[in-house]
Amino acid sequence: MQFDEQPMLALNKAIKYGAILLCVIFIVPAMKLNNLYERKLVGYLELKLEFIVNICKGFAISLILMIPLIILFISLGIRTFDFNLFNFDQNFMYTILYILFISLVISIIEESFFRGIMIQENSSKMSTIKIIIFSSMVYSLFHFIKIPLIVDDNIFWNTGINELSSVFLNFKDFLIIDAAITLLMFGILLGLIRVNFKTISYGIGIHSGFVFTIKTFKSNSSLNLESDYIYLLSNYDSFTGHLATIWITTLILFYLIFIYKKK
């Protein structure tokens, strides 16, 4: 089993998620100071044990929901399992636990910010659907922010400001539309779950399950560039793209029907 990530890509992600974590660290005290913060409003609704149980439920559900998409990738010949990568040894278990840990950390940070702070039930200025779409757009575009590598020895007081400006000025060069649409639809799905259950616990579980499945599947499969359906895959990560978007949109439609019938 292989899990190789380029050092600069890993550093890029670490900086971005670190920035979100800092935002949460500073935003929450500011909200408390202005009497705007309530634990339940930002999605931490249940007691700790129940919260953890719901995360596990969401994780299990996401693994089941990802099975049809994995089958489609294989049946269409887009990705093929490489059984030579399977080696059930101690290193295999360490890798699985590492992927699981990373998936949970990413999901907790992203759900706390994009679905916890950005989506709150008591908002009266915008309709719920607009809030979900807006937070999902921010969530999607966030993935395409690329932190520049500064290799110049001459660093001045305004170097960071200039580099930050270039990130946003050149943002369109890094934006990959098909992957952005997939992430947008995934954000909408998680937003609907957040609003329906009034908690981010299920979202954390589902989000981490998706990330875990993607990383594990990619680590144990090979991309078939000769497939007639390769265009359904995005260049962003060789997993998102048109096929994933169609599947997630289908899940959204079924979930909306479920909510409607439940009412």
Protein backbone atom coordinates (compact mmCIF):
# COMPACT_ATOMS: atom_id res chain seq x y z
CA MET A 1 0.00 0.00 0.00
CA GLN A 2 1.43 3.34 -1.04
CA PHE A 3 0.63 6.72 0.39
CA ASP A 4 3.03 9.20 -1.14
CA GLU A 5 2.26 12.88 -1.03
CA GLN A 6 4.58 15.52 -2.45
CA PRO A 7 6.26 17.52 0.35
CA MET A 8 5.18 20.90 -1.07
CA LEU A 9 1.59 19.69 -1.46
CA ALA A 10 1.59 18.45 2.13
CA LEU A 11 3.07 21.78 3.30
CA ASN A 12 0.44 23.67 1.29
CA LYS A 13 -2.36 21.73 2.99
CA ALA A 14 -0.78 22.12 6.42
CA ILE A 15 -0.63 25.90 6.01
CA LYS A 16 -4.22 26.15 4.75
CA TYR A 17 -5.74 23.96 7.45
CA GLY A 18 -3.58 25.67 10.04
CA ALA A 19 -5.01 28.99 8.86
CA ILE A 20 -8.58 27.70 9.24
CA LEU A 21 -7.77 26.35 12.69
CA LEU A 22 -6.41 29.76 13.69
CA CYS A 23 -9.59 31.38 12.34
CA VAL A 24 -11.68 29.10 14.54
CA ILE A 25 -9.43 29.78 17.54
CA PHE A 26 -9.85 33.55 17.14
CA ILE A 27 -13.44 33.66 15.86
CA VAL A 28 -14.96 31.60 18.69
CA PRO A 29 -13.59 33.84 21.50
CA ALA A 30 -14.68 36.92 19.53
CA MET A 31 -18.19 35.48 19.21
CA LYS A 32 -18.24 34.69 22.93
CA LEU A 33 -17.09 38.22 23.75
CA ASN A 34 -20.00 39.66 21.78
CA ASN A 35 -22.46 37.12 23.17
CA LEU A 36 -22.90 35.62 19.69
CA TYR A 37 -21.54 32.18 20.48
CA GLU A 38 -23.51 29.20 21.65
CA ARG A 39 -22.06 25.71 21.41
CA LYS A 40 -25.27 24.25 19.99
CA LEU A 41 -25.56 26.94 17.30
CA VAL A 42 -22.22 25.99 15.74
CA GLY A 43 -23.17 22.35 15.47
CA TYR A 44 -21.89 20.83 18.72
CA LEU A 45 -25.35 19.76 19.78
CA GLU A 46 -24.90 16.45 21.57
CA LEU A 47 -23.04 15.28 24.62
CA LYS A 48 -19.47 14.11 23.94
CA LEU A 49 -20.21 10.38 23.84
CA GLU A 50 -23.25 10.80 21.59
CA PHE A 51 -21.27 13.19 19.39
CA ILE A 52 -18.54 10.56 18.90
CA VAL A 53 -21.13 7.82 18.24
CA ASN A 54 -22.77 9.98 15.55
CA ILE A 55 -19.38 10.59 13.93
CA CYS A 56 -18.90 6.82 13.76
CA LYS A 57 -22.39 6.41 12.27
CA GLY A 58 -21.65 9.04 9.63
CA PHE A 59 -18.31 7.38 8.85
CA ALA A 60 -19.97 3.98 8.34
CA ILE A 61 -22.70 5.50 6.17
CA SER A 62 -20.15 7.27 3.97
CA LEU A 63 -18.23 4.03 3.37
CA ILE A 64 -21.46 2.43 2.14
CA LEU A 65 -22.31 5.46 -0.03
CA MET A 66 -18.89 5.36 -1.67
CA ILE A 67 -19.18 1.71 -2.77
CA PRO A 68 -21.29 2.43 -5.93
CA LEU A 69 -18.84 5.15 -7.01
CA ILE A 70 -15.86 2.83 -6.52
CA ILE A 71 -17.67 0.13 -8.54
CA LEU A 72 -18.29 2.65 -11.34
CA PHE A 73 -14.60 3.62 -11.44
CA ILE A 74 -13.60 -0.03 -11.73
CA SER A 75 -16.34 -1.17 -14.13
CA LEU A 76 -15.64 1.73 -16.50
CA GLY A 77 -11.94 0.92 -16.40
CA ILE A 78 -11.02 4.36 -15.08
CA ARG A 79 -9.08 2.99 -12.13
CA THR A 80 -7.91 -0.57 -11.60
CA PHE A 81 -6.96 -2.28 -8.36
CA ASP A 82 -3.27 -3.05 -8.08
CA PHE A 83 -3.14 -6.13 -5.87
CA ASN A 84 0.65 -5.94 -5.81
CA LEU A 85 0.27 -2.94 -3.51
CA PHE A 86 -1.54 -5.03 -0.90
CA ASN A 87 0.78 -6.20 1.83
CA PHE A 88 -1.00 -6.90 5.10
CA ASP A 89 1.88 -6.21 7.42
CA GLN A 90 2.52 -3.82 10.29
CA ASN A 91 3.24 -0.98 7.86
CA PHE A 92 -0.17 -1.52 6.23
CA MET A 93 -1.96 -1.03 9.55
CA TYR A 94 0.11 2.06 10.36
CA THR A 95 -0.80 3.54 6.98
CA ILE A 96 -4.51 2.83 7.48
CA LEU A 97 -4.44 4.44 10.93
CA TYR A 98 -2.53 7.42 9.55
CA ILE A 99 -5.05 7.95 6.74
CA LEU A 100 -7.90 7.60 9.26
CA PHE A 101 -6.28 10.16 11.57
CA ILE A 102 -5.66 12.65 8.74
CA SER A 103 -9.23 12.18 7.46
CA LEU A 104 -10.67 12.93 10.90
CA VAL A 105 -8.47 15.99 11.46
CA ILE A 106 -9.35 17.45 8.05
CA SER A 107 -13.06 16.79 8.58
CA ILE A 108 -13.21 18.23 12.10
CA ILE A 109 -11.46 21.43 11.01
CA GLU A 110 -13.48 21.91 7.81
CA GLU A 111 -16.87 20.98 9.27
CA SER A 112 -16.34 23.17 12.34
CA PHE A 113 -15.70 26.17 10.11
CA PHE A 114 -17.67 25.67 6.88
CA ARG A 115 -20.72 23.94 8.36
CA GLY A 116 -20.42 24.97 12.01
CA ILE A 117 -19.57 28.67 12.04
CA MET A 118 -20.79 29.52 8.52
CA ILE A 119 -24.14 27.71 8.79
CA GLN A 120 -26.21 28.62 11.83
CA GLU A 121 -29.89 27.98 12.33
CA ASN A 122 -30.80 31.37 13.78
CA SER A 123 -29.63 33.39 10.75
CA SER A 124 -32.38 35.72 9.53
CA LYS A 125 -30.67 37.74 6.80
CA MET A 126 -30.43 35.01 4.20
CA SER A 127 -32.51 31.96 3.55
CA THR A 128 -31.10 28.62 4.60
CA ILE A 129 -30.52 27.48 1.03
CA LYS A 130 -28.50 30.62 0.23
CA ILE A 131 -26.37 30.08 3.32
CA ILE A 132 -25.72 26.46 2.32
CA ILE A 133 -24.79 27.42 -1.25
CA PHE A 134 -22.54 30.28 -0.14
CA SER A 135 -20.69 28.19 2.45
CA SER A 136 -20.33 25.40 -0.12
CA MET A 137 -18.86 27.81 -2.66
CA VAL A 138 -16.32 29.06 -0.12
CA TYR A 139 -15.56 25.46 0.86
CA SER A 140 -15.01 24.47 -2.78
CA LEU A 141 -12.84 27.45 -3.73
CA PHE A 142 -10.76 27.05 -0.57
CA HIS A 143 -9.27 23.84 -1.99
CA PHE A 144 -7.68 25.73 -4.89
CA ILE A 145 -5.76 28.28 -2.84
CA LYS A 146 -2.10 27.57 -3.50
CA ILE A 147 0.44 28.90 -1.03
CA PRO A 148 3.49 30.20 -2.99
CA LEU A 149 6.96 28.85 -2.34
CA ILE A 150 9.27 31.74 -1.39
CA VAL A 151 12.84 30.85 -2.34
CA ASP A 152 14.26 34.37 -2.53
CA ASP A 153 16.84 35.16 0.16
CA ASN A 154 15.81 38.81 0.11
CA ILE A 155 12.63 38.87 2.15
CA PHE A 156 11.19 42.25 3.12
CA TRP A 157 8.37 43.40 5.39
CA ASN A 158 5.89 43.41 2.49
CA THR A 159 6.95 40.08 0.92
CA GLY A 160 4.13 38.16 2.59
CA ILE A 161 1.54 40.78 1.55
CA ASN A 162 2.75 40.70 -2.07
CA GLU A 163 2.70 36.91 -2.20
CA LEU A 164 -0.75 36.80 -0.63
CA SER A 165 -2.00 39.27 -3.24
CA SER A 166 -0.58 37.12 -6.02
CA VAL A 167 -2.44 34.09 -4.63
CA PHE A 168 -5.80 35.78 -5.23
CA LEU A 169 -4.80 37.59 -8.43
CA ASN A 170 -3.69 34.30 -9.99
CA PHE A 171 -6.46 32.24 -8.39
CA LYS A 172 -8.14 31.50 -11.73
CA ASP A 173 -4.96 29.77 -12.94
CA PHE A 174 -5.29 27.14 -10.21
CA LEU A 175 -9.06 26.71 -10.38
CA ILE A 176 -10.16 23.41 -11.94
CA ILE A 177 -13.85 23.67 -12.78
CA ASP A 178 -14.92 20.02 -12.78
CA ALA A 179 -13.31 19.38 -9.38
CA ALA A 180 -14.72 22.65 -8.00
CA ILE A 181 -18.24 21.56 -8.98
CA THR A 182 -17.76 18.20 -7.26
CA LEU A 183 -16.61 19.92 -4.06
CA LEU A 184 -19.50 22.40 -4.33
CA MET A 185 -22.06 19.59 -4.51
CA PHE A 186 -20.36 17.74 -1.66
CA GLY A 187 -20.50 20.92 0.41
CA ILE A 188 -24.21 21.26 -0.33
CA LEU A 189 -24.81 17.65 0.75
CA LEU A 190 -22.97 18.24 4.03
CA GLY A 191 -24.81 21.54 4.50
CA LEU A 192 -28.20 19.85 4.10
CA ILE A 193 -27.20 17.21 6.65
CA ARG A 194 -26.04 19.95 9.04
CA VAL A 195 -29.33 21.83 8.78
CA ASN A 196 -31.50 18.72 8.99
CA PHE A 197 -29.82 17.24 12.08
CA LYS A 198 -28.73 20.62 13.56
CA THR A 199 -25.33 19.09 14.35
CA ILE A 200 -22.02 18.70 12.54
CA SER A 201 -21.29 15.28 14.05
CA TYR A 202 -22.79 13.33 11.15
CA GLY A 203 -21.08 15.68 8.68
CA ILE A 204 -17.70 15.05 10.30
CA GLY A 205 -18.25 11.31 10.04
CA ILE A 206 -19.43 11.40 6.43
CA HIS A 207 -16.71 13.84 5.41
CA SER A 208 -13.95 11.77 7.05
CA GLY A 209 -15.35 8.60 5.49
CA PHE A 210 -15.23 10.14 2.02
CA VAL A 211 -11.66 11.38 2.52
CA PHE A 212 -10.60 8.03 3.98
CA THR A 213 -12.13 6.08 1.07
CA ILE A 214 -10.60 8.38 -1.55
CA LYS A 215 -7.10 8.21 -0.08
CA THR A 216 -7.26 4.46 0.52
CA PHE A 217 -8.69 3.69 -2.92
CA LYS A 218 -6.15 5.88 -4.71
CA SER A 219 -3.31 4.29 -2.73
CA ASN A 220 -4.36 0.80 -3.83
CA SER A 221 -5.38 1.45 -7.43
CA SER A 222 -3.84 2.66 -10.65
CA LEU A 223 -5.18 5.29 -13.04
CA ASN A 224 -5.96 3.95 -16.52
CA LEU A 225 -5.18 6.80 -18.89
CA GLU A 226 -6.33 4.70 -21.87
CA SER A 227 -9.89 4.37 -20.58
CA ASP A 228 -12.61 5.80 -22.84
CA TYR A 229 -14.14 7.40 -19.76
CA ILE A 230 -11.03 9.09 -18.37
CA TYR A 231 -12.64 12.46 -19.12
CA LEU A 232 -15.04 11.79 -16.22
CA LEU A 233 -12.09 12.20 -13.87
CA SER A 234 -10.61 15.56 -12.88
CA ASN A 235 -6.93 16.41 -13.18
CA TYR A 236 -7.17 17.92 -9.71
CA ASP A 237 -6.85 14.68 -7.77
CA SER A 238 -7.77 11.91 -10.24
CA PHE A 239 -10.93 11.18 -8.25
CA THR A 240 -13.26 14.17 -8.30
CA GLY A 241 -14.83 15.18 -11.59
CA HIS A 242 -18.01 14.60 -13.59
CA LEU A 243 -18.64 11.03 -12.38
CA ALA A 244 -18.27 11.96 -8.70
CA THR A 245 -20.44 15.05 -9.26
CA ILE A 246 -23.22 12.97 -10.80
CA TRP A 247 -23.11 10.52 -7.89
CA ILE A 248 -23.12 13.21 -5.19
CA THR A 249 -25.95 15.07 -6.98
CA THR A 250 -27.91 11.81 -6.99
CA LEU A 251 -27.34 11.47 -3.25
CA ILE A 252 -28.56 15.05 -2.74
CA LEU A 253 -31.76 14.37 -4.69
CA PHE A 254 -32.48 11.18 -2.73
CA TYR A 255 -31.74 12.98 0.53
CA LEU A 256 -34.10 15.85 -0.35
CA ILE A 257 -36.84 13.32 -1.18
CA PHE A 258 -36.15 11.60 2.16
CA ILE A 259 -36.46 14.90 4.05
CA TYR A 260 -39.66 15.83 2.17
CA LYS A 261 -41.34 12.50 2.90
CA LYS A 262 -40.20 12.62 6.51
CA LYS A 263 -42.04 15.91 6.99
